[in-house]
Protein backbone atom coordinates (compact mmCIF):
# COMPACT_ATOMS: atom_id res chain seq x y z
CA UNK A 1 6.39 9.47 -18.81
CA UNK A 2 5.54 12.16 -21.35
CA UNK A 3 3.28 9.90 -23.14
CA UNK A 4 1.35 9.32 -20.02
CA UNK A 5 0.82 13.09 -19.38
CA UNK A 6 0.02 13.79 -22.89
CA UNK A 7 -3.17 11.80 -22.25
CA UNK A 8 -5.66 14.55 -21.51
CA UNK A 9 -7.86 12.78 -19.01
CA UNK A 10 -5.04 11.66 -16.93
CA UNK A 11 -3.35 15.05 -17.15
CA UNK A 12 -6.61 16.60 -15.68
CA UNK A 13 -6.89 14.15 -12.89
CA UNK A 14 -3.02 14.50 -12.29
CA UNK A 15 -3.16 18.27 -11.88
CA UNK A 16 -6.33 18.09 -9.88
CA UNK A 17 -4.76 15.82 -7.35
CA UNK A 18 -1.60 18.02 -7.06
CA UNK A 19 -3.58 21.07 -6.37
CA UNK A 20 -6.05 19.61 -3.95
CA UNK A 21 -3.17 17.80 -1.95
CA UNK A 22 -1.17 20.95 -1.80
CA UNK A 23 -4.07 22.63 -0.16
CA UNK A 24 -4.39 19.58 2.34
CA UNK A 25 -0.75 20.28 3.31
CA UNK A 26 -1.38 23.82 3.77
CA UNK A 27 -4.17 22.94 6.11
CA UNK A 28 -2.22 20.03 7.88
CA UNK A 29 0.44 22.39 8.96
CA UNK A 30 -1.54 25.56 9.95
CA UNK A 31 -4.50 23.91 11.87
CA UNK A 32 -2.90 21.82 14.51
CA UNK A 33 -0.58 24.83 15.42
CA UNK A 34 -3.86 27.07 15.62
CA UNK A 35 -5.67 24.56 17.85
CA UNK A 36 -2.65 24.32 20.14
CA UNK A 37 -2.50 28.10 20.14
CA UNK A 38 -6.22 28.68 21.19
CA UNK A 39 -6.29 25.66 23.70
CA UNK A 40 -2.83 25.26 24.95
CA UNK A 41 -3.65 21.51 25.14
CA UNK A 42 -1.73 18.57 23.48
CA UNK A 43 -4.72 16.47 23.96
CA UNK A 44 -6.90 19.01 22.21
CA UNK A 45 -4.44 18.93 19.28
CA UNK A 46 -4.32 15.16 19.01
CA UNK A 47 -8.15 15.06 18.87
CA UNK A 48 -8.10 16.49 15.54
CA UNK A 49 -5.68 13.63 14.23
CA UNK A 50 -8.26 11.14 15.85
CA UNK A 51 -11.05 12.80 14.08
CA UNK A 52 -9.70 12.47 10.72
CA UNK A 53 -8.35 8.83 11.46
CA UNK A 54 -11.74 7.45 12.58
CA UNK A 55 -13.64 7.45 9.20
CA UNK A 56 -11.04 5.40 7.58
CA UNK A 57 -11.44 2.68 10.16
CA UNK A 58 -15.35 2.90 10.20
CA UNK A 59 -16.26 3.51 6.58
CA UNK A 60 -13.26 2.91 4.27
CA UNK A 61 -14.18 -0.62 3.11
CA UNK A 62 -18.12 0.25 2.79
CA UNK A 63 -17.28 3.58 0.95
CA UNK A 64 -15.57 1.53 -1.68
CA UNK A 65 -18.82 -0.06 -2.69
CA UNK A 66 -20.09 3.30 -4.00
CA UNK A 67 -17.06 3.70 -6.18
CA UNK A 68 -18.09 0.65 -7.93
CA UNK A 69 -21.88 1.48 -7.85
CA UNK A 70 -21.75 5.28 -8.87
CA UNK A 71 -19.80 6.84 -11.74
CA UNK A 72 -16.25 7.37 -10.55
CA UNK A 73 -16.01 10.75 -12.08
CA UNK A 74 -19.10 11.99 -10.48
CA UNK A 75 -17.80 10.97 -7.09
CA UNK A 76 -14.57 12.76 -7.46
CA UNK A 77 -16.34 16.05 -8.76
CA UNK A 78 -18.87 15.86 -6.05
CA UNK A 79 -16.12 15.13 -3.31
CA UNK A 80 -13.99 18.17 -4.22
CA UNK A 81 -17.13 20.34 -4.22
CA UNK A 82 -18.24 19.03 -0.73
CA UNK A 83 -14.61 19.33 0.53
CA UNK A 84 -14.50 22.92 -0.55
CA UNK A 85 -17.81 23.70 1.21
CA UNK A 86 -17.41 21.74 4.42
CA UNK A 87 -14.22 23.51 5.19
CA UNK A 88 -15.83 26.88 5.64
CA UNK A 89 -17.15 26.28 9.24
CA UNK A 90 -13.54 26.82 10.17
CA UNK A 91 -14.02 30.50 9.60
CA UNK A 92 -16.24 30.48 12.79
CA UNK A 93 -13.41 29.16 15.05
CA UNK A 94 -11.93 31.91 17.09
CA UNK A 95 -11.50 30.52 20.59
CA UNK A 96 -11.38 27.16 22.40
CA UNK A 97 -14.92 27.08 22.89
CA UNK A 98 -15.45 26.47 19.25
CA UNK A 99 -12.61 23.58 18.79
CA UNK A 100 -15.45 21.03 18.28
CA UNK A 101 -15.92 22.60 14.88
CA UNK A 102 -12.39 21.59 14.15
CA UNK A 103 -13.10 17.96 15.02
CA UNK A 104 -16.39 18.06 13.11
CA UNK A 105 -14.64 19.44 10.02
CA UNK A 106 -11.88 16.99 10.19
CA UNK A 107 -14.23 13.97 10.61
CA UNK A 108 -16.41 15.17 7.51
CA UNK A 109 -13.42 15.81 5.31
CA UNK A 110 -11.85 12.45 6.15
CA UNK A 111 -15.24 10.75 5.59
CA UNK A 112 -15.54 12.37 2.12
CA UNK A 113 -12.04 11.28 1.29
CA UNK A 114 -13.01 7.67 1.99
CA UNK A 115 -15.37 7.93 -1.05
CA UNK A 116 -13.08 9.91 -3.25
CA UNK A 117 -9.74 7.96 -3.00
CA UNK A 118 -11.15 4.55 -3.97
CA UNK A 119 -12.83 6.23 -6.87
CA UNK A 120 -9.64 7.77 -8.17
CA UNK A 121 -7.61 4.65 -7.74
CA UNK A 122 -10.24 2.62 -9.49
CA UNK A 123 -10.59 4.96 -12.35
CA UNK A 124 -6.92 5.37 -13.04
CA UNK A 125 -6.48 1.82 -14.85
CA UNK A 126 -9.20 2.93 -17.35
CA UNK A 127 -7.27 6.10 -18.32
CA UNK A 128 -3.84 4.69 -19.33
CA UNK A 129 -2.65 1.48 -20.86
CA UNK A 130 -1.69 -1.44 -18.63
CA UNK A 131 2.02 -1.09 -19.53
CA UNK A 132 1.86 2.65 -18.37
CA UNK A 133 0.16 1.94 -15.00
CA UNK A 134 3.38 1.89 -12.99
CA UNK A 135 4.27 5.33 -14.50
CA UNK A 136 0.86 6.61 -13.94
CA UNK A 137 0.85 5.53 -10.22
CA UNK A 138 4.47 6.82 -9.96
CA UNK A 139 3.29 10.37 -11.06
CA UNK A 140 0.32 10.21 -8.58
CA UNK A 141 2.98 9.61 -5.84
CA UNK A 142 4.93 12.39 -7.06
CA UNK A 143 1.98 14.58 -6.52
CA UNK A 144 2.15 13.77 -2.81
CA UNK A 145 5.93 14.55 -2.51
CA UNK A 146 5.47 17.78 -4.43
CA UNK A 147 2.76 18.96 -2.20
CA UNK A 148 4.42 17.75 0.96
CA UNK A 149 7.52 19.94 -0.01
CA UNK A 150 5.53 23.14 -1.20
CA UNK A 151 2.33 22.96 1.00
CA UNK A 152 3.93 23.22 4.54
CA UNK A 153 5.79 26.27 3.61
CA UNK A 154 2.84 27.96 2.00
CA UNK A 155 0.78 26.98 5.01
CA UNK A 156 3.25 28.60 7.37
CA UNK A 157 3.49 31.87 5.17
CA UNK A 158 -0.31 31.90 4.81
CA UNK A 159 -1.08 31.33 8.55
CA UNK A 160 1.39 34.17 9.31
CA UNK A 161 -0.12 36.63 6.92
CA UNK A 162 -3.80 35.91 6.98
CA UNK A 163 -4.39 33.58 9.95
CA UNK A 164 -6.44 30.30 9.83
CA UNK A 165 -9.35 32.17 7.96
CA UNK A 166 -6.90 32.81 5.15
CA UNK A 167 -5.72 29.07 5.15
CA UNK A 168 -9.29 27.87 5.00
CA UNK A 169 -10.33 30.11 2.03
CA UNK A 170 -7.36 29.19 -0.13
CA UNK A 171 -7.67 25.42 0.95
CA UNK A 172 -11.31 25.70 -0.12
CA UNK A 173 -10.25 27.29 -3.37
CA UNK A 174 -7.87 24.57 -4.24
CA UNK A 175 -10.76 21.94 -3.98
CA UNK A 176 -13.01 24.18 -6.40
CA UNK A 177 -10.08 24.41 -8.87
CA UNK A 178 -9.72 20.59 -8.55
CA UNK A 179 -13.37 20.07 -9.01
CA UNK A 180 -13.28 22.21 -12.36
CA UNK A 181 -10.44 20.10 -13.59
CA UNK A 182 -12.33 16.68 -13.10
CA UNK A 183 -15.28 18.32 -14.82
CA UNK A 184 -13.38 19.02 -17.67
CA UNK A 185 -12.63 15.09 -18.08
CA UNK A 186 -14.33 13.49 -20.97
CA UNK A 187 -14.90 9.81 -20.39
CA UNK A 188 -17.03 7.16 -22.18
CA UNK A 189 -19.95 5.95 -20.01
CA UNK A 190 -18.47 2.52 -19.64
CA UNK A 191 -15.36 4.30 -18.01
CA UNK A 192 -17.36 6.39 -15.70
CA UNK A 193 -20.26 3.96 -14.74
CA UNK A 194 -18.97 0.46 -13.79
CA UNK A 195 -21.54 -2.10 -13.99
CA UNK A 196 -22.05 -4.40 -11.03
CA UNK A 197 -25.51 -5.85 -11.58
CA UNK A 198 -26.41 -5.42 -7.91
CA UNK A 199 -29.59 -5.22 -6.22
CA UNK A 200 -31.07 -2.01 -5.10
CA UNK A 201 -30.04 -0.69 -1.78
CA UNK A 202 -30.33 -0.92 1.14
CA UNK A 203 -29.86 -4.91 0.57
CA UNK A 204 -27.80 -4.31 -2.43
CA UNK A 205 -25.24 -2.29 -0.79
CA UNK A 206 -24.61 -4.84 1.87
CA UNK A 207 -24.54 -7.61 -0.82
CA UNK A 208 -22.01 -5.63 -2.83
CA UNK A 209 -19.69 -5.09 0.09
CA UNK A 210 -19.92 -8.85 1.05
CA UNK A 211 -19.14 -9.67 -2.63
CA UNK A 212 -16.24 -7.44 -2.49
CA UNK A 213 -14.86 -8.97 0.75
CA UNK A 214 -15.35 -12.44 -0.65
CA UNK A 215 -13.39 -11.51 -3.73
CA UNK A 216 -10.40 -10.37 -1.55
CA UNK A 217 -10.64 -13.53 0.70
CA UNK A 218 -10.81 -16.07 -2.20
CA UNK A 219 -8.13 -14.37 -4.61
CA UNK A 220 -4.71 -15.62 -3.55
CA UNK A 221 -3.04 -12.60 -5.19
CA UNK A 222 -5.33 -10.12 -3.29
CA UNK A 223 -4.96 -12.06 0.07
CA UNK A 224 -1.15 -11.80 -0.24
CA UNK A 225 -1.27 -8.13 -1.34
CA UNK A 226 -3.64 -7.26 1.73
CA UNK A 227 -1.24 -9.03 4.15
CA UNK A 228 1.83 -7.32 2.84
CA UNK A 229 -0.16 -3.96 3.04
CA UNK A 230 -0.93 -4.64 6.66
CA UNK A 231 2.50 -5.76 7.68
CA UNK A 232 4.01 -2.53 6.07
CA UNK A 233 1.39 -0.28 7.56
CA UNK A 234 2.28 -1.57 10.97
CA UNK A 235 5.76 -0.38 10.35
CA UNK A 236 4.58 3.11 9.14
CA UNK A 237 2.56 3.39 12.39
CA UNK A 238 5.68 2.80 14.34
CA UNK A 239 7.58 5.23 12.19
CA UNK A 240 4.86 7.95 12.64
CA UNK A 241 5.41 7.59 16.46
CA UNK A 242 9.15 6.80 16.77
CA UNK A 243 10.75 9.03 14.23
CA UNK A 244 10.40 12.19 16.33
CA UNK A 245 11.63 10.50 19.28
CA UNK A 246 14.47 9.21 17.06
CA UNK A 247 15.44 12.70 16.03
CA UNK A 248 15.23 14.04 19.51
CA UNK A 249 17.14 11.09 21.37
CA UNK A 250 19.39 9.64 18.73
CA UNK A 251 20.17 12.75 16.66
CA UNK A 252 19.71 15.03 19.49
CA UNK A 253 17.70 17.40 17.12
CA UNK A 254 15.03 19.90 17.49
CA UNK A 255 12.03 20.82 15.23
CA UNK A 256 14.46 22.52 12.73
CA UNK A 257 16.34 19.06 12.19
CA UNK A 258 13.04 17.48 11.88
CA UNK A 259 11.89 19.88 9.35
CA UNK A 260 15.43 19.18 7.43
CA UNK A 261 14.52 15.36 7.26
CA UNK A 262 10.94 15.97 6.07
CA UNK A 263 12.32 18.43 3.30
CA UNK A 264 15.06 15.89 2.46
CA UNK A 265 12.52 13.16 2.22
CA UNK A 266 10.27 15.18 -0.07
CA UNK A 267 13.13 16.15 -2.29
CA UNK A 268 14.17 12.62 -2.73
CA UNK A 269 10.62 11.49 -3.26
CA UNK A 270 10.18 14.13 -6.02
CA UNK A 271 13.35 13.06 -7.93
CA UNK A 272 12.47 9.36 -7.42
CA UNK A 273 9.01 9.64 -8.73
CA UNK A 274 10.59 11.06 -11.86
CA UNK A 275 12.95 8.21 -12.22
CA UNK A 276 10.37 5.69 -11.70
CA UNK A 277 7.94 7.47 -13.90
CA UNK A 278 10.65 7.25 -16.72
CA UNK A 279 11.25 3.60 -16.38
CA UNK A 280 7.85 2.40 -15.30
CA UNK A 281 6.74 1.22 -18.55
CA UNK A 282 9.81 -1.02 -19.14
CA UNK A 283 9.75 -2.95 -15.65
CA UNK A 284 7.60 -5.70 -14.32
CA UNK A 285 5.62 -4.44 -11.40
CA UNK A 286 6.21 -7.45 -9.14
CA UNK A 287 9.97 -7.33 -9.77
CA UNK A 288 9.86 -3.66 -8.99
CA UNK A 289 7.83 -4.27 -5.88
CA UNK A 290 10.24 -6.84 -4.25
CA UNK A 291 13.48 -5.22 -5.27
CA UNK A 292 12.34 -1.65 -4.19
CA UNK A 293 11.10 -3.27 -0.86
CA UNK A 294 14.16 -4.90 -0.13
CA UNK A 295 16.25 -1.67 -0.76
CA UNK A 296 13.79 0.38 1.11
CA UNK A 297 14.19 -1.96 4.31
CA UNK A 298 18.04 -1.97 4.00
CA UNK A 299 18.38 1.79 3.55
CA UNK A 300 15.75 2.40 6.37
CA UNK A 301 18.12 0.27 8.60
CA UNK A 302 21.06 2.14 7.62
CA UNK A 303 19.40 5.35 8.21
CA UNK A 304 18.12 4.63 11.71
CA UNK A 305 21.47 2.97 12.62
CA UNK A 306 23.79 5.61 11.14
CA UNK A 307 24.07 8.13 14.26
CA UNK A 308 25.46 5.20 15.97
CA UNK A 309 28.40 5.04 13.66
CA UNK A 310 28.52 8.89 12.31
CA UNK A 311 27.31 11.29 14.74
CA UNK A 312 25.22 14.22 13.28
CA UNK A 313 22.32 14.72 10.91
CA UNK A 314 24.11 14.80 7.61
CA UNK A 315 24.64 11.03 6.61
CA UNK A 316 20.90 10.66 7.91
CA UNK A 317 19.82 13.44 5.52
CA UNK A 318 21.51 11.92 2.62
CA UNK A 319 20.09 8.43 3.43
CA UNK A 320 16.43 9.58 3.79
CA UNK A 321 16.60 11.29 0.48
CA UNK A 322 17.97 7.98 -1.16
CA UNK A 323 15.09 6.26 0.57
CA UNK A 324 12.84 8.08 -1.85
CA UNK A 325 13.84 5.79 -4.72
CA UNK A 326 12.71 2.49 -3.38
CA UNK A 327 9.73 4.20 -1.76
CA UNK A 328 8.50 5.40 -5.00
CA UNK A 329 9.18 1.91 -6.54
CA UNK A 330 7.19 0.28 -3.80
CA UNK A 331 4.30 2.72 -3.65
CA UNK A 332 3.77 2.70 -7.57
CA UNK A 333 4.30 -1.08 -7.91
CA UNK A 334 2.06 -2.18 -5.14
CA UNK A 335 -0.80 0.00 -6.30
CA UNK A 336 -0.34 -1.40 -9.79
CA UNK A 337 -0.28 -4.90 -8.50
CA UNK A 338 -3.55 -4.20 -6.57
CA UNK A 339 -5.25 -2.59 -9.54
CA UNK A 340 -4.29 -5.41 -12.03
CA UNK A 341 -5.41 -8.17 -9.38
CA UNK A 342 -9.01 -6.84 -9.04
CA UNK A 343 -11.49 -6.68 -11.85
CA UNK A 344 -12.56 -3.40 -12.78
CA UNK A 345 -16.20 -3.72 -11.28
CA UNK A 346 -14.54 -4.38 -7.78
CA UNK A 347 -11.68 -2.07 -7.81
CA UNK A 348 -13.44 0.55 -5.70
CA UNK A 349 -14.30 -2.10 -2.88
CA UNK A 350 -10.92 -3.36 -3.09
CA UNK A 351 -9.22 -0.11 -2.57
CA UNK A 352 -11.71 1.07 0.06
CA UNK A 353 -10.85 -2.32 1.95
CA UNK A 354 -7.28 -1.69 1.61
CA UNK A 355 -7.43 1.85 3.05
CA UNK A 356 -9.34 0.47 5.96
CA UNK A 357 -6.81 -2.45 6.46
CA UNK A 358 -3.86 0.09 6.23
CA UNK A 359 -5.54 2.67 8.76
CA UNK A 360 -6.12 -0.16 11.35
CA UNK A 361 -2.55 -1.66 10.85
CA UNK A 362 -1.11 1.84 11.25
CA UNK A 363 -3.17 2.30 14.56
CA UNK A 364 -1.85 -0.89 15.80
CA UNK A 365 1.67 0.15 15.03
CA UNK A 366 1.28 3.49 16.79
CA UNK A 367 -0.08 1.68 19.93
CA UNK A 368 2.63 -0.83 19.64
CA UNK A 369 5.22 2.09 19.59
CA UNK A 370 3.67 3.46 22.49
CA UNK A 371 3.63 0.34 24.62
CA UNK A 372 7.07 -1.01 23.75
CA UNK A 373 9.02 2.08 22.51
CA UNK A 374 10.41 3.13 25.91
CA UNK A 375 11.52 -0.49 26.44
CA UNK A 376 13.26 -1.12 23.05
CA UNK A 377 14.19 2.37 22.28
CA UNK A 378 13.85 4.30 18.79
CA UNK A 379 16.66 2.70 16.88
CA UNK A 380 15.44 -0.78 17.62
CA UNK A 381 11.72 -0.13 17.09
CA UNK A 382 12.32 1.45 13.76
CA UNK A 383 14.76 -1.18 12.53
CA UNK A 384 12.58 -4.00 13.57
CA UNK A 385 9.17 -2.73 12.40
CA UNK A 386 9.73 -0.46 9.66
CA UNK A 387 13.04 -1.57 8.00
CA UNK A 388 12.58 -5.27 8.92
CA UNK A 389 8.94 -4.97 7.98
CA UNK A 390 9.65 -3.95 4.27
CA UNK A 391 12.43 -6.73 4.29
CA UNK A 392 9.90 -9.55 5.21
CA UNK A 393 7.07 -8.22 2.98
CA UNK A 394 9.47 -8.41 0.12
CA UNK A 395 10.58 -11.69 0.72
CA UNK A 396 7.11 -12.95 1.07
CA UNK A 397 5.98 -11.32 -2.24
CA UNK A 398 9.06 -12.90 -3.86
CA UNK A 399 8.41 -16.32 -2.72
CA UNK A 400 4.50 -16.37 -3.07
CA UNK A 401 3.03 -13.85 -5.70
CA UNK A 402 5.15 -15.20 -8.77
CA UNK A 403 3.15 -18.47 -8.41
CA UNK A 404 0.07 -16.53 -9.77
CA UNK A 405 -0.69 -14.31 -12.64
CA UNK A 406 -2.62 -11.15 -12.10
CA UNK A 407 -6.26 -10.34 -12.81
CA UNK A 408 -6.68 -13.24 -15.37
CA UNK A 409 -6.15 -15.79 -12.68
CA UNK A 410 -8.10 -14.11 -9.88
CA UNK A 411 -10.65 -16.65 -8.38
CA UNK A 412 -14.00 -15.28 -8.39
CA UNK A 413 -16.81 -16.73 -6.27
CA UNK A 414 -19.58 -18.12 -8.50
CA UNK A 415 -21.94 -15.45 -8.02
CA UNK A 416 -19.25 -12.75 -8.29
CA UNK A 417 -18.14 -14.24 -11.54
CA UNK A 418 -21.80 -13.97 -12.87
CA UNK A 419 -21.89 -10.32 -12.02
CA UNK A 420 -18.54 -9.58 -13.81
CA UNK A 421 -19.62 -11.47 -16.98
CA UNK A 422 -23.10 -9.50 -16.76
CA UNK A 423 -21.19 -6.16 -16.74
CA UNK A 424 -18.73 -7.21 -19.64
């Protein structure tokens, strides 16, 4: 793990991500509270969530084209600067009449993220050696857990002391710092500018998108991985909807107990990220993925069923912290498998499409929870779709993906193969 962190470019992008994600969590906690305070409407509050979800569904796969067309470092630098600037209109929001600004800012922020996320995921394999990818991806997921643990607390403190304007200014500052760190990266041209050999836009953009989708369809490994991402995302959508209900109806908890579970999950994720980061270079990503997924599913089922056997919250808190280890294993290994399954010139499109598929599947899971949750109840819904989903995904991965190697056996369409050779 230390060997990965000693690589200057990776360290810069890693710290940049940690800072910007912490800022995101600060705003994520403070903004919905503020919207509800000035509107008194749950519907108005949910509008902010919808505004952030829509770009992932509409633009995710198309935005990935630009991560293969433009220099990836430039995309990340520009994205952080744009994110810093486009937060500032929140300073104008002081009553319910201006809540539309919140929706607009959320939509723009999510739109910019659709360009930045594929660019970062596609750039990462060029910063470290292949055997270090699991460790690098684990450290990236560690950022998310650290920021999730620190950001909400900071968000509450800043909102209480300086209001939404203070939160906005500080979140904007985090993006500026992140941009400065990205600017300090020193990469060869071949790394920052993937060559696709595509025609000029607008026809070229469409053709590049079609080539990327064709690659996903014709590559058995990518098809399998995309199917598994969708299956797991449905479970996560159910989880996002039903977990609060589980805490309230099964645990008989309040917002305080929900906060305990979120904190325990974050702490478990941090410790687990360090563990996976330490052993990542010594494990096979596919093996880590299916073993981690099986453990993830079994621990989830134990977590959701535990109050039926042992009343109270303490066993659940221990189990949700333990879930962090297989969760870190699944997150880092699946990302690594996807990176190795896609040629460099197509990674942006592949990760962009993955984002769209995951967002759509999560939406389906949320709708499914809303439709069937009152009939089946939270324990059954969570066990079937969240825990069971990870178990099924792991078995599918174990039985199918070992038949194929990664990257070297990706079946490229003839025209796509020509483009890849031209870029070599």
